[in-house]
Amino acid sequence: MTAFTRAFHGKHLHHNPVRRVAAVGVVAAGALMLSACGSDSDGASGMSGMDHGGSKSSATATAKAGDVDEADVTFAQMMIPHHEQAVAMAELADGRASDAEIKDLAAKIEKAQDPEIKTMTGWLKSWGKPTATGDTPGMDMGSDGMMSDKDMKELKAMQGKEFDKMFAQMMIDHHDGAIAMAKTEQKSGQNADAKKMADAIVRGQSAEVKRLQSILDRL
């Protein structure tokens, strides 16, 4: 109804008290009819109320259950050992790395990924799911940038510039695997917190890959 129409009707009713009374009568009659309907079907009305309550509860339960899907669980279970290895690689830089930028980046990786490991472990416990370990059965981590035991031993045996080069290349491959896993979570995950972490991993590790490649190019 336009402002003009409302003004017209208001004015019209104001000058026609008979119509105003008639309108009030219609409203009152409608209220009485509704009241009568309610009185005649108390049982049905009660059941209707119960049905609405049940539907609301079911919807709430479904929403809560849907907060976490299989992709979220897989993301956390696989990313935990992935982060653990990155932290282990970063720890090797202490006493072995000679490049200042490698040392700085290794420290940042430790600082960022260790708290994320704790966070993801907490998620899995709250979701009632097993937490992952580095030797999770059936998990093919080779395609996700994970280093073999042989790779880790070789890195541990390196010193100075040789360590810096190997560390940079290994961490690039490792980060690429984490980014791929995080992008899968972005696409298929449902949990808001897990997707937020996946976003942070994609942004943060993509930037680190560029920095590592720059270091590798000048070494």
Protein backbone atom coordinates (compact mmCIF):
# COMPACT_ATOMS: atom_id res chain seq x y z
CA MET A 1 0.00 0.00 0.00
CA THR A 2 1.40 3.37 -1.00
CA ALA A 3 1.63 6.35 1.32
CA PHE A 4 -1.12 8.02 -0.69
CA THR A 5 -3.40 4.97 -0.34
CA ARG A 6 -2.78 4.72 3.41
CA ALA A 7 -3.53 8.42 3.81
CA PHE A 8 -6.68 8.04 1.78
CA HIS A 9 -7.97 5.08 3.78
CA GLY A 10 -7.04 6.72 7.06
CA LYS A 11 -8.89 9.84 6.14
CA HIS A 12 -11.81 7.89 4.78
CA LEU A 13 -12.22 5.82 7.95
CA HIS A 14 -11.82 8.88 10.11
CA HIS A 15 -14.82 10.51 8.47
CA ASN A 16 -16.87 7.29 8.36
CA PRO A 17 -17.29 5.99 11.92
CA VAL A 18 -19.83 3.44 10.73
CA ARG A 19 -17.21 1.76 8.56
CA ARG A 20 -14.73 1.84 11.44
CA VAL A 21 -17.23 0.04 13.67
CA ALA A 22 -17.90 -2.48 10.92
CA ALA A 23 -14.18 -3.15 10.52
CA VAL A 24 -13.77 -3.69 14.25
CA GLY A 25 -16.70 -6.06 14.16
CA VAL A 26 -15.12 -8.12 11.40
CA VAL A 27 -11.86 -8.41 13.36
CA ALA A 28 -13.71 -9.43 16.50
CA ALA A 29 -15.72 -12.03 14.60
CA GLY A 30 -12.52 -13.44 13.13
CA ALA A 31 -10.97 -13.72 16.58
CA LEU A 32 -14.04 -15.55 17.88
CA MET A 33 -13.91 -18.00 14.99
CA LEU A 34 -10.25 -18.73 15.65
CA SER A 35 -10.96 -19.22 19.34
CA ALA A 36 -13.78 -21.60 18.53
CA CYS A 37 -11.57 -23.63 16.22
CA GLY A 38 -8.98 -23.92 18.96
CA SER A 39 -11.60 -25.09 21.47
CA ASP A 40 -12.99 -27.70 19.11
CA SER A 41 -9.57 -29.28 18.39
CA ASP A 42 -7.57 -29.07 21.60
CA GLY A 43 -6.12 -32.53 21.05
CA ALA A 44 -5.04 -31.84 17.50
CA SER A 45 -3.63 -28.49 18.53
CA GLY A 46 -1.57 -30.12 21.27
CA MET A 47 -0.21 -32.71 18.87
CA SER A 48 0.62 -29.97 16.39
CA GLY A 49 2.66 -28.20 19.03
CA MET A 50 4.53 -31.41 19.80
CA ASP A 51 5.23 -31.97 16.11
CA HIS A 52 6.75 -28.52 15.70
CA GLY A 53 8.90 -29.05 18.75
CA GLY A 54 10.10 -32.38 17.42
CA SER A 55 10.89 -30.96 13.99
CA LYS A 56 12.91 -28.14 15.53
CA SER A 57 14.90 -30.56 17.69
CA SER A 58 15.63 -32.81 14.73
CA ALA A 59 16.81 -29.89 12.63
CA THR A 60 19.08 -28.72 15.43
CA ALA A 61 20.54 -32.18 15.89
CA THR A 62 21.15 -32.50 12.16
CA ALA A 63 22.87 -29.12 12.04
CA LYS A 64 25.16 -30.03 14.93
CA ALA A 65 26.05 -33.38 13.40
CA GLY A 66 26.71 -31.65 10.08
CA ASP A 67 29.26 -29.28 11.60
CA VAL A 68 31.92 -31.91 10.97
CA ASP A 69 32.18 -34.15 7.92
CA GLU A 70 34.59 -36.82 6.76
CA ALA A 71 36.77 -34.28 4.96
CA ASP A 72 37.25 -32.31 8.20
CA VAL A 73 38.32 -35.43 10.10
CA THR A 74 40.69 -36.57 7.34
CA PHE A 75 42.19 -33.08 7.12
CA ALA A 76 43.02 -33.00 10.84
CA GLN A 77 44.23 -36.62 10.99
CA MET A 78 46.59 -36.18 8.04
CA MET A 79 47.73 -32.65 8.80
CA ILE A 80 48.88 -33.50 12.34
CA PRO A 81 51.72 -35.86 11.29
CA HIS A 82 52.45 -33.56 8.36
CA HIS A 83 52.95 -30.62 10.73
CA GLU A 84 54.93 -32.81 13.13
CA GLN A 85 57.44 -33.60 10.41
CA ALA A 86 57.72 -29.95 9.39
CA VAL A 87 58.48 -29.04 12.99
CA ALA A 88 61.08 -31.83 13.17
CA MET A 89 62.72 -30.53 9.99
CA ALA A 90 62.70 -26.97 11.34
CA GLU A 91 64.32 -28.11 14.59
CA LEU A 92 67.23 -29.57 12.61
CA ALA A 93 68.14 -26.08 11.42
CA ASP A 94 69.45 -25.24 14.87
CA GLY A 95 73.21 -25.84 14.74
CA ARG A 96 73.15 -26.92 11.08
CA ALA A 97 71.82 -24.02 8.99
CA SER A 98 74.21 -21.25 7.99
CA ASP A 99 71.84 -18.96 6.09
CA ALA A 100 70.17 -16.34 8.29
CA GLU A 101 66.94 -16.46 6.29
CA ILE A 102 66.72 -20.24 6.60
CA LYS A 103 67.18 -19.95 10.36
CA ASP A 104 64.48 -17.29 10.56
CA LEU A 105 62.03 -19.28 8.46
CA ALA A 106 62.67 -22.48 10.42
CA ALA A 107 61.89 -20.65 13.67
CA LYS A 108 58.65 -19.29 12.19
CA ILE A 109 57.58 -22.76 11.02
CA GLU A 110 58.06 -24.15 14.53
CA LYS A 111 56.17 -21.25 16.09
CA ALA A 112 53.22 -21.52 13.67
CA GLN A 113 52.76 -25.26 13.30
CA ASP A 114 53.25 -26.53 16.84
CA PRO A 115 50.14 -24.71 18.16
CA GLU A 116 48.15 -25.92 15.13
CA ILE A 117 49.05 -29.51 16.02
CA LYS A 118 47.60 -29.01 19.49
CA THR A 119 44.48 -27.35 18.06
CA MET A 120 43.78 -30.15 15.57
CA THR A 121 44.40 -32.79 18.24
CA GLY A 122 41.78 -31.05 20.39
CA TRP A 123 39.31 -31.04 17.50
CA LEU A 124 39.63 -34.78 16.94
CA LYS A 125 39.13 -35.52 20.63
CA SER A 126 36.03 -33.31 20.76
CA TRP A 127 34.70 -34.97 17.59
CA GLY A 128 35.21 -38.42 19.12
CA LYS A 129 37.72 -39.38 16.42
CA PRO A 130 41.17 -40.96 16.82
CA THR A 131 44.11 -38.61 16.59
CA ALA A 132 46.61 -39.31 13.84
CA THR A 133 50.24 -40.25 14.32
CA GLY A 134 53.16 -40.34 11.92
CA ASP A 135 52.66 -44.09 11.41
CA THR A 136 48.90 -44.03 10.78
CA PRO A 137 48.06 -47.34 9.05
CA GLY A 138 47.07 -47.10 5.40
CA MET A 139 48.05 -43.46 5.07
CA ASP A 140 50.04 -42.82 1.91
CA MET A 141 51.82 -39.63 2.85
CA GLY A 142 54.32 -39.78 -0.03
CA SER A 143 51.94 -37.88 -2.29
CA ASP A 144 51.49 -35.20 0.37
CA GLY A 145 55.09 -34.01 0.51
CA MET A 146 56.11 -36.17 3.46
CA MET A 147 59.79 -37.05 3.69
CA SER A 148 60.95 -40.63 4.10
CA ASP A 149 63.11 -41.72 7.04
CA LYS A 150 66.04 -41.79 4.63
CA ASP A 151 65.38 -38.17 3.60
CA MET A 152 65.26 -37.06 7.23
CA LYS A 153 68.53 -38.86 8.02
CA GLU A 154 70.23 -37.21 5.05
CA LEU A 155 69.03 -33.77 6.12
CA LYS A 156 70.21 -34.42 9.66
CA ALA A 157 73.70 -35.29 8.34
CA MET A 158 74.02 -32.02 6.39
CA GLN A 159 75.78 -28.88 7.59
CA GLY A 160 76.06 -25.27 6.42
CA LYS A 161 75.16 -24.40 2.87
CA GLU A 162 74.41 -28.01 1.93
CA PHE A 163 71.89 -28.18 4.74
CA ASP A 164 70.35 -24.88 3.66
CA LYS A 165 69.84 -26.10 0.10
CA MET A 166 68.39 -29.46 1.08
CA PHE A 167 66.20 -27.91 3.75
CA ALA A 168 64.77 -25.35 1.31
CA GLN A 169 63.97 -27.94 -1.36
CA MET A 170 62.49 -30.43 1.10
CA MET A 171 60.37 -27.79 2.77
CA ILE A 172 59.06 -26.55 -0.59
CA ASP A 173 57.91 -30.09 -1.42
CA HIS A 174 56.52 -30.49 2.08
CA HIS A 175 54.60 -27.21 1.93
CA ASP A 176 53.21 -28.06 -1.52
CA GLY A 177 51.73 -31.22 -0.02
CA ALA A 178 50.18 -29.31 2.88
CA ILE A 179 48.72 -26.71 0.52
CA ALA A 180 47.09 -29.44 -1.59
CA MET A 181 45.57 -31.02 1.53
CA ALA A 182 44.32 -27.64 2.74
CA LYS A 183 42.72 -26.89 -0.63
CA THR A 184 40.84 -30.19 -0.41
CA GLU A 185 39.52 -29.09 2.99
CA GLN A 186 38.50 -25.72 1.55
CA LYS A 187 36.50 -27.50 -1.14
CA SER A 188 35.03 -30.44 0.75
CA GLY A 189 35.16 -29.59 4.47
CA GLN A 190 32.24 -28.30 6.51
CA ASN A 191 33.64 -27.36 9.91
CA ALA A 192 34.16 -23.60 10.11
CA ASP A 193 37.29 -23.79 12.30
CA ALA A 194 38.94 -26.43 10.12
CA LYS A 195 38.20 -24.47 6.95
CA LYS A 196 39.58 -21.31 8.57
CA MET A 197 42.82 -23.13 9.38
CA ALA A 198 42.96 -24.51 5.85
CA ASP A 199 42.67 -20.96 4.52
CA ALA A 200 45.53 -19.85 6.77
CA ILE A 201 47.70 -22.77 5.66
CA VAL A 202 47.15 -22.03 1.97
CA ARG A 203 47.99 -18.36 2.42
CA GLY A 204 50.88 -18.75 4.85
CA GLN A 205 52.63 -21.71 3.27
CA SER A 206 52.20 -20.38 -0.27
CA ALA A 207 54.08 -17.27 0.83
CA GLU A 208 56.76 -19.42 2.48
CA VAL A 209 57.18 -21.50 -0.68
CA LYS A 210 57.92 -18.32 -2.64
CA ARG A 211 60.41 -17.24 0.00
CA LEU A 212 62.09 -20.66 0.08
CA GLN A 213 62.38 -20.71 -3.70
CA SER A 214 63.96 -17.27 -3.59
CA ILE A 215 66.49 -18.51 -1.03
CA LEU A 216 67.20 -21.61 -3.10
CA ASP A 217 67.76 -19.53 -6.21
CA ARG A 218 70.49 -17.47 -4.54
CA LEU A 219 72.27 -20.27 -2.67
